């Protein structure tokens, strides 16, 4: 009996084929993105950071530049000396 009731409810439910567009949706660069990162020194504790896409892109760019700078400064020097 419950099977037939479920089928009847699903048959009467409205079907939405496309997501409604938000009339005042912010541009992609202004959209907030939240990421969870592990706290240093903890196996369990997590921290949630919410920033705009533009801010995350700026952080990633700075990290790439810092990494490349470290490689450039240390190239040509033997390690352990």
PDB file of N, CA and C in Angstrom:
ATOM      1  N   UNK A   1       0.818  -1.194   0.000  1.00  0.00           N
ATOM      2  CA  UNK A   1       0.000   0.000   0.000  1.00  0.00           C
ATOM      3  C   UNK A   1       0.867   1.266   0.000  1.00  0.00           C
ATOM      4  N   UNK A   2       1.940   1.290   0.808  1.00  0.00           N
ATOM      5  CA  UNK A   2       2.784   2.486   0.876  1.00  0.00           C
ATOM      6  C   UNK A   2       3.528   2.717  -0.433  1.00  0.00           C
ATOM      7  N   UNK A   3       3.832   1.636  -1.164  1.00  0.00           N
ATOM      8  CA  UNK A   3       4.491   1.777  -2.453  1.00  0.00           C
ATOM      9  C   UNK A   3       3.613   2.571  -3.413  1.00  0.00           C
ATOM     10  N   UNK A   4       2.343   2.236  -3.472  1.00  0.00           N
ATOM     11  CA  UNK A   4       1.416   2.929  -4.366  1.00  0.00           C
ATOM     12  C   UNK A   4       1.217   4.377  -3.941  1.00  0.00           C
ATOM     13  N   UNK A   5       1.222   4.618  -2.639  1.00  0.00           N
ATOM     14  CA  UNK A   5       1.086   5.989  -2.135  1.00  0.00           C
ATOM     15  C   UNK A   5       2.303   6.812  -2.533  1.00  0.00           C
ATOM     16  N   UNK A   6       3.496   6.236  -2.431  1.00  0.00           N
ATOM     17  CA  UNK A   6       4.720   6.933  -2.816  1.00  0.00           C
ATOM     18  C   UNK A   6       4.721   7.246  -4.308  1.00  0.00           C
ATOM     19  N   UNK A   7       4.316   6.287  -5.121  1.00  0.00           N
ATOM     20  CA  UNK A   7       4.267   6.499  -6.569  1.00  0.00           C
ATOM     21  C   UNK A   7       3.265   7.597  -6.906  1.00  0.00           C
ATOM     22  N   UNK A   8       2.132   7.623  -6.235  1.00  0.00           N
ATOM     23  CA  UNK A   8       1.112   8.644  -6.494  1.00  0.00           C
ATOM     24  C   UNK A   8       1.617  10.024  -6.104  1.00  0.00           C
ATOM     25  N   UNK A   9       2.316  10.123  -4.989  1.00  0.00           N
ATOM     26  CA  UNK A   9       2.854  11.426  -4.548  1.00  0.00           C
ATOM     27  C   UNK A   9       3.905  11.917  -5.523  1.00  0.00           C
ATOM     28  N   UNK A  10       4.798  11.015  -5.951  1.00  0.00           N
ATOM     29  CA  UNK A  10       5.835  11.413  -6.907  1.00  0.00           C
ATOM     30  C   UNK A  10       5.243  11.819  -8.244  1.00  0.00           C
ATOM     31  N   UNK A  11       4.171  11.184  -8.647  1.00  0.00           N
ATOM     32  CA  UNK A  11       3.530  11.517  -9.920  1.00  0.00           C
ATOM     33  C   UNK A  11       2.872  12.891  -9.862  1.00  0.00           C
ATOM     34  N   UNK A  12       2.388  13.281  -8.696  1.00  0.00           N
ATOM     35  CA  UNK A  12       1.720  14.565  -8.556  1.00  0.00           C
ATOM     36  C   UNK A  12       2.678  15.718  -8.248  1.00  0.00           C
ATOM     37  N   UNK A  13       3.900  15.390  -7.848  1.00  0.00           N
ATOM     38  CA  UNK A  13       4.869  16.437  -7.497  1.00  0.00           C
ATOM     39  C   UNK A  13       5.298  17.176  -8.757  1.00  0.00           C
ATOM     40  N   UNK A  14       5.414  18.493  -8.688  1.00  0.00           N
ATOM     41  CA  UNK A  14       5.858  19.251  -9.860  1.00  0.00           C
ATOM     42  C   UNK A  14       7.326  18.966 -10.155  1.00  0.00           C
ATOM     43  N   UNK A  15       7.646  18.874 -11.431  1.00  0.00           N
ATOM     44  CA  UNK A  15       9.012  18.597 -11.851  1.00  0.00           C
ATOM     45  C   UNK A  15       9.634  19.900 -12.317  1.00  0.00           C
ATOM     46  N   UNK A  16      10.805  20.205 -11.741  1.00  0.00           N
ATOM     47  CA  UNK A  16      11.513  21.420 -12.129  1.00  0.00           C
ATOM     48  C   UNK A  16      12.744  20.997 -12.908  1.00  0.00           C
ATOM     49  N   UNK A  17      12.817  21.373 -14.178  1.00  0.00           N
ATOM     50  CA  UNK A  17      13.909  20.913 -15.034  1.00  0.00           C
ATOM     51  C   UNK A  17      15.119  21.822 -14.958  1.00  0.00           C
ATOM     52  N   UNK A  18      14.950  23.098 -14.699  1.00  0.00           N
ATOM     53  CA  UNK A  18      16.080  24.016 -14.604  1.00  0.00           C
ATOM     54  C   UNK A  18      16.021  24.750 -13.280  1.00  0.00           C
ATOM     55  N   UNK A  19      17.183  25.123 -12.808  1.00  0.00           N
ATOM     56  CA  UNK A  19      17.257  25.877 -11.560  1.00  0.00           C
ATOM     57  C   UNK A  19      16.831  27.311 -11.832  1.00  0.00           C
ATOM     58  N   UNK A  20      16.063  27.901 -10.943  1.00  0.00           N
ATOM     59  CA  UNK A  20      15.673  29.290 -11.159  1.00  0.00           C
ATOM     60  C   UNK A  20      16.878  30.210 -11.023  1.00  0.00           C
ATOM     61  N   UNK A  21      16.986  31.138 -11.919  1.00  0.00           N
ATOM     62  CA  UNK A  21      18.098  32.088 -11.879  1.00  0.00           C
ATOM     63  C   UNK A  21      17.815  33.152 -10.833  1.00  0.00           C
ATOM     64  N   UNK A  22      18.807  33.414 -10.013  1.00  0.00           N
ATOM     65  CA  UNK A  22      18.662  34.454  -8.991  1.00  0.00           C
ATOM     66  C   UNK A  22      18.726  35.809  -9.690  1.00  0.00           C
ATOM     67  N   UNK A  23      17.745  36.666  -9.449  1.00  0.00           N
ATOM     68  CA  UNK A  23      17.722  37.949 -10.170  1.00  0.00           C
ATOM     69  C   UNK A  23      18.880  38.866  -9.798  1.00  0.00           C
ATOM     70  N   UNK A  24      19.336  38.812  -8.569  1.00  0.00           N
ATOM     71  CA  UNK A  24      20.415  39.692  -8.120  1.00  0.00           C
ATOM     72  C   UNK A  24      21.630  38.889  -7.676  1.00  0.00           C
ATOM     73  N   UNK A  25      22.007  37.880  -8.459  1.00  0.00           N
ATOM     74  CA  UNK A  25      23.153  37.040  -8.109  1.00  0.00           C
ATOM     75  C   UNK A  25      24.436  37.854  -8.238  1.00  0.00           C
ATOM     76  N   UNK A  26      25.332  37.731  -7.250  1.00  0.00           N
ATOM     77  CA  UNK A  26      26.589  38.484  -7.334  1.00  0.00           C
ATOM     78  C   UNK A  26      27.484  37.907  -8.425  1.00  0.00           C
ATOM     79  N   UNK A  27      28.368  38.709  -8.994  1.00  0.00           N
ATOM     80  CA  UNK A  27      29.302  38.194 -10.000  1.00  0.00           C
ATOM     81  C   UNK A  27      30.175  37.097  -9.391  1.00  0.00           C
ATOM     82  N   UNK A  28      30.784  36.290 -10.239  1.00  0.00           N
ATOM     83  CA  UNK A  28      31.579  35.153  -9.767  1.00  0.00           C
ATOM     84  C   UNK A  28      32.704  35.586  -8.833  1.00  0.00           C
ATOM     85  N   UNK A  29      33.330  36.740  -9.080  1.00  0.00           N
ATOM     86  CA  UNK A  29      34.437  37.193  -8.245  1.00  0.00           C
ATOM     87  C   UNK A  29      33.962  37.610  -6.852  1.00  0.00           C
ATOM     88  N   UNK A  30      32.695  37.997  -6.705  1.00  0.00           N
ATOM     89  CA  UNK A  30      32.178  38.434  -5.413  1.00  0.00           C
ATOM     90  C   UNK A  30      31.509  37.307  -4.632  1.00  0.00           C
ATOM     91  N   UNK A  31      31.419  36.132  -5.234  1.00  0.00           N
ATOM     92  CA  UNK A  31      30.779  34.998  -4.567  1.00  0.00           C
ATOM     93  C   UNK A  31      31.655  34.518  -3.419  1.00  0.00           C
ATOM     94  N   UNK A  32      31.045  34.213  -2.264  1.00  0.00           N
ATOM     95  CA  UNK A  32      31.789  33.758  -1.091  1.00  0.00           C
ATOM     96  C   UNK A  32      32.016  32.254  -1.184  1.00  0.00           C
ATOM     97  N   UNK A  33      33.246  31.844  -0.878  1.00  0.00           N
ATOM     98  CA  UNK A  33      33.623  30.437  -0.882  1.00  0.00           C
ATOM     99  C   UNK A  33      34.198  30.124   0.489  1.00  0.00           C
ATOM    100  N   UNK A  34      33.676  29.080   1.125  1.00  0.00           N
ATOM    101  CA  UNK A  34      34.162  28.676   2.448  1.00  0.00           C
ATOM    102  C   UNK A  34      34.982  27.406   2.309  1.00  0.00           C
ATOM    103  N   UNK A  35      36.130  27.394   2.987  1.00  0.00           N
ATOM    104  CA  UNK A  35      37.014  26.223   2.979  1.00  0.00           C
ATOM    105  C   UNK A  35      37.336  25.855   4.415  1.00  0.00           C
ATOM    106  N   UNK A  36      37.474  24.563   4.658  1.00  0.00           N
ATOM    107  CA  UNK A  36      37.874  24.066   5.977  1.00  0.00           C
ATOM    108  C   UNK A  36      39.335  23.643   5.906  1.00  0.00           C
ATOM    109  N   UNK A  37      40.130  24.131   6.853  1.00  0.00           N
ATOM    110  CA  UNK A  37      41.538  23.781   6.909  1.00  0.00           C
ATOM    111  C   UNK A  37      41.855  23.201   8.273  1.00  0.00           C
ATOM    112  N   UNK A  38      42.814  22.296   8.303  1.00  0.00           N
ATOM    113  CA  UNK A  38      43.219  21.668   9.568  1.00  0.00           C
ATOM    114  C   UNK A  38      44.078  22.649  10.363  1.00  0.00           C
ATOM    115  N   UNK A  39      43.841  22.698  11.664  1.00  0.00           N
ATOM    116  CA  UNK A  39      44.673  23.511  12.551  1.00  0.00           C
ATOM    117  C   UNK A  39      46.041  22.855  12.675  1.00  0.00           C
ATOM    118  N   UNK A  40      47.091  23.636  12.667  1.00  0.00           N
ATOM    119  CA  UNK A  40      48.425  23.103  12.823  1.00  0.00           C
ATOM    120  C   UNK A  40      48.576  22.497  14.214  1.00  0.00           C
ATOM    121  N   UNK A  41      49.067  21.265  14.266  1.00  0.00           N
ATOM    122  CA  UNK A  41      49.279  20.593  15.542  1.00  0.00           C
ATOM    123  C   UNK A  41      48.081  19.826  16.049  1.00  0.00           C
ATOM    124  N   UNK A  42      46.995  19.781  15.293  1.00  0.00           N
ATOM    125  CA  UNK A  42      45.814  19.053  15.719  1.00  0.00           C
ATOM    126  C   UNK A  42      45.395  18.065  14.637  1.00  0.00           C
ATOM    127  N   UNK A  43      44.962  16.896  15.070  1.00  0.00           N
ATOM    128  CA  UNK A  43      44.485  15.902  14.113  1.00  0.00           C
ATOM    129  C   UNK A  43      43.000  16.058  13.836  1.00  0.00           C
ATOM    130  N   UNK A  44      42.297  16.762  14.712  1.00  0.00           N
ATOM    131  CA  UNK A  44      40.848  16.820  14.629  1.00  0.00           C
ATOM    132  C   UNK A  44      40.318  18.228  14.369  1.00  0.00           C
ATOM    133  N   UNK A  45      40.899  19.209  14.989  1.00  0.00           N
ATOM    134  CA  UNK A  45      40.374  20.571  14.937  1.00  0.00           C
ATOM    135  C   UNK A  45      40.486  21.163  13.536  1.00  0.00           C
ATOM    136  N   UNK A  46      39.399  21.742  13.073  1.00  0.00           N
ATOM    137  CA  UNK A  46      39.343  22.371  11.750  1.00  0.00           C
ATOM    138  C   UNK A  46      38.930  23.835  11.901  1.00  0.00           C
ATOM    139  N   UNK A  47      39.359  24.641  10.956  1.00  0.00           N
ATOM    140  CA  UNK A  47      38.991  26.048  10.937  1.00  0.00           C
ATOM    141  C   UNK A  47      38.285  26.340   9.623  1.00  0.00           C
ATOM    142  N   UNK A  48      37.223  27.102   9.685  1.00  0.00           N
ATOM    143  CA  UNK A  48      36.459  27.454   8.487  1.00  0.00           C
ATOM    144  C   UNK A  48      36.783  28.892   8.116  1.00  0.00           C
ATOM    145  N   UNK A  49      37.195  29.087   6.864  1.00  0.00           N
ATOM    146  CA  UNK A  49      37.502  30.426   6.359  1.00  0.00           C
ATOM    147  C   UNK A  49      36.604  30.719   5.172  1.00  0.00           C
ATOM    148  N   UNK A  50      35.933  31.842   5.217  1.00  0.00           N
ATOM    149  CA  UNK A  50      35.069  32.272   4.116  1.00  0.00           C
ATOM    150  C   UNK A  50      35.636  33.553   3.514  1.00  0.00           C
ATOM    151  N   UNK A  51      35.882  33.518   2.220  1.00  0.00           N
ATOM    152  CA  UNK A  51      36.403  34.674   1.489  1.00  0.00           C
ATOM    153  C   UNK A  51      35.777  34.687   0.097  1.00  0.00           C
ATOM    154  N   UNK A  52      35.951  35.788  -0.595  1.00  0.00           N
ATOM    155  CA  UNK A  52      35.448  35.851  -1.967  1.00  0.00           C
ATOM    156  C   UNK A  52      36.419  35.107  -2.882  1.00  0.00           C
ATOM    157  N   UNK A  53      35.953  34.780  -4.080  1.00  0.00           N
ATOM    158  CA  UNK A  53      36.809  34.083  -5.042  1.00  0.00           C
ATOM    159  C   UNK A  53      38.030  34.929  -5.365  1.00  0.00           C
ATOM    160  N   UNK A  54      37.867  36.227  -5.483  1.00  0.00           N
ATOM    161  CA  UNK A  54      38.994  37.109  -5.779  1.00  0.00           C
ATOM    162  C   UNK A  54      40.037  37.057  -4.658  1.00  0.00           C
ATOM    163  N   UNK A  55      39.582  37.009  -3.410  1.00  0.00           N
ATOM    164  CA  UNK A  55      40.512  36.927  -2.283  1.00  0.00           C
ATOM    165  C   UNK A  55      41.265  35.598  -2.282  1.00  0.00           C
ATOM    166  N   UNK A  56      40.559  34.473  -2.548  1.00  0.00           N
ATOM    167  CA  UNK A  56      41.227  33.165  -2.609  1.00  0.00           C
ATOM    168  C   UNK A  56      42.251  33.154  -3.744  1.00  0.00           C
ATOM    169  N   UNK A  57      41.923  33.764  -4.881  1.00  0.00           N
ATOM    170  CA  UNK A  57      42.860  33.820  -6.003  1.00  0.00           C
ATOM    171  C   UNK A  57      44.105  34.625  -5.634  1.00  0.00           C
ATOM    172  N   UNK A  58      43.924  35.717  -4.909  1.00  0.00           N
ATOM    173  CA  UNK A  58      45.045  36.544  -4.472  1.00  0.00           C
ATOM    174  C   UNK A  58      45.942  35.766  -3.507  1.00  0.00           C
ATOM    175  N   UNK A  59      45.359  35.022  -2.587  1.00  0.00           N
ATOM    176  CA  UNK A  59      46.127  34.214  -1.637  1.00  0.00           C
ATOM    177  C   UNK A  59      46.923  33.140  -2.374  1.00  0.00           C
ATOM    178  N   UNK A  60      46.300  32.478  -3.343  1.00  0.00           N
ATOM    179  CA  UNK A  60      46.982  31.440  -4.117  1.00  0.00           C
ATOM    180  C   UNK A  60      48.134  32.027  -4.932  1.00  0.00           C
ATOM    181  N   UNK A  61      47.920  33.194  -5.508  1.00  0.00           N
ATOM    182  CA  UNK A  61      48.963  33.845  -6.290  1.00  0.00           C
ATOM    183  C   UNK A  61      50.158  34.210  -5.404  1.00  0.00           C
ATOM    184  N   UNK A  62      49.884  34.746  -4.222  1.00  0.00           N
ATOM    185  CA  UNK A  62      50.965  35.103  -3.296  1.00  0.00           C
ATOM    186  C   UNK A  62      51.737  33.863  -2.853  1.00  0.00           C
ATOM    187  N   UNK A  63      51.043  32.756  -2.623  1.00  0.00           N
ATOM    188  CA  UNK A  63      51.708  31.511  -2.218  1.00  0.00           C
ATOM    189  C   UNK A  63      52.607  30.991  -3.332  1.00  0.00           C
ATOM    190  N   UNK A  64      52.114  31.071  -4.584  1.00  0.00           N
ATOM    191  CA  UNK A  64      52.947  30.637  -5.712  1.00  0.00           C
ATOM    192  C   UNK A  64      54.202  31.501  -5.836  1.00  0.00           C
ATOM    193  N   UNK A  65      54.039  32.816  -5.685  1.00  0.00           N
ATOM    194  CA  UNK A  65      55.180  33.720  -5.787  1.00  0.00           C
ATOM    195  C   UNK A  65      56.191  33.457  -4.675  1.00  0.00           C
ATOM    196  N   UNK A  66      55.717  33.228  -3.452  1.00  0.00           N
ATOM    197  CA  UNK A  66      56.623  32.939  -2.337  1.00  0.00           C
ATOM    198  C   UNK A  66      57.369  31.634  -2.569  1.00  0.00           C
ATOM    199  N   UNK A  67      56.681  30.626  -3.053  1.00  0.00           N
ATOM    200  CA  UNK A  67      57.330  29.350  -3.338  1.00  0.00           C
ATOM    201  C   UNK A  67      58.376  29.479  -4.426  1.00  0.00           C
ATOM    202  N   UNK A  68      58.048  30.197  -5.486  1.00  0.00           N
ATOM    203  CA  UNK A  68      59.001  30.396  -6.569  1.00  0.00           C
ATOM    204  C   UNK A  68      60.195  31.210  -6.093  1.00  0.00           C
ATOM    205  N   UNK A  69      59.960  32.200  -5.235  1.00  0.00           N
ATOM    206  CA  UNK A  69      61.041  33.013  -4.679  1.00  0.00           C
ATOM    207  C   UNK A  69      61.994  32.150  -3.850  1.00  0.00           C
ATOM    208  N   UNK A  70      61.459  31.223  -3.053  1.00  0.00           N
ATOM    209  CA  UNK A  70      62.311  30.334  -2.262  1.00  0.00           C
ATOM    210  C   UNK A  70      63.166  29.448  -3.161  1.00  0.00           C
ATOM    211  N   UNK A  71      62.564  28.931  -4.224  1.00  0.00           N
ATOM    212  CA  UNK A  71      63.317  28.091  -5.150  1.00  0.00           C
ATOM    213  C   UNK A  71      64.413  28.905  -5.821  1.00  0.00           C
ATOM    214  N   UNK A  72      64.092  30.114  -6.256  1.00  0.00           N
ATOM    215  CA  UNK A  72      65.071  30.963  -6.929  1.00  0.00           C
ATOM    216  C   UNK A  72      66.227  31.332  -6.008  1.00  0.00           C
ATOM    217  N   UNK A  73      65.936  31.657  -4.747  1.00  0.00           N
ATOM    218  CA  UNK A  73      66.991  32.052  -3.796  1.00  0.00           C
ATOM    219  C   UNK A  73      67.900  30.876  -3.455  1.00  0.00           C
ATOM    220  N   UNK A  74      67.347  29.666  -3.423  1.00  0.00           N
ATOM    221  CA  UNK A  74      68.126  28.517  -2.990  1.00  0.00           C
ATOM    222  C   UNK A  74      68.696  27.699  -4.134  1.00  0.00           C
ATOM    223  N   UNK A  75      68.441  28.080  -5.354  1.00  0.00           N
ATOM    224  CA  UNK A  75      68.995  27.324  -6.459  1.00  0.00           C
ATOM    225  C   UNK A  75      70.500  27.623  -6.558  1.00  0.00           C
ATOM    226  N   UNK A  76      71.259  26.574  -6.817  1.00  0.00           N
ATOM    227  CA  UNK A  76      72.700  26.754  -6.924  1.00  0.00           C
ATOM    228  C   UNK A  76      73.414  26.544  -5.604  1.00  0.00           C
ATOM    229  N   UNK A  77      72.703  26.465  -4.502  1.00  0.00           N
ATOM    230  CA  UNK A  77      73.348  26.220  -3.211  1.00  0.00           C
ATOM    231  C   UNK A  77      73.151  24.762  -2.838  1.00  0.00           C
ATOM    232  N   UNK A  78      74.213  24.072  -2.488  1.00  0.00           N
ATOM    233  CA  UNK A  78      74.046  22.681  -2.058  1.00  0.00           C
ATOM    234  C   UNK A  78      73.306  22.617  -0.718  1.00  0.00           C
ATOM    235  N   UNK A  79      72.443  21.634  -0.566  1.00  0.00           N
ATOM    236  CA  UNK A  79      71.709  21.519   0.696  1.00  0.00           C
ATOM    237  C   UNK A  79      72.605  20.952   1.773  1.00  0.00           C
ATOM    238  N   UNK A  80      72.342  21.352   3.020  1.00  0.00           N
ATOM    239  CA  UNK A  80      73.097  20.849   4.158  1.00  0.00           C
ATOM    240  C   UNK A  80      74.352  21.638   4.452  1.00  0.00           C
ATOM    241  N   UNK A  81      74.582  22.715   3.746  1.00  0.00           N
ATOM    242  CA  UNK A  81      75.788  23.512   4.021  1.00  0.00           C
ATOM    243  C   UNK A  81      75.422  24.818   4.635  1.00  0.00           C
TER     244      UNK A  81
END
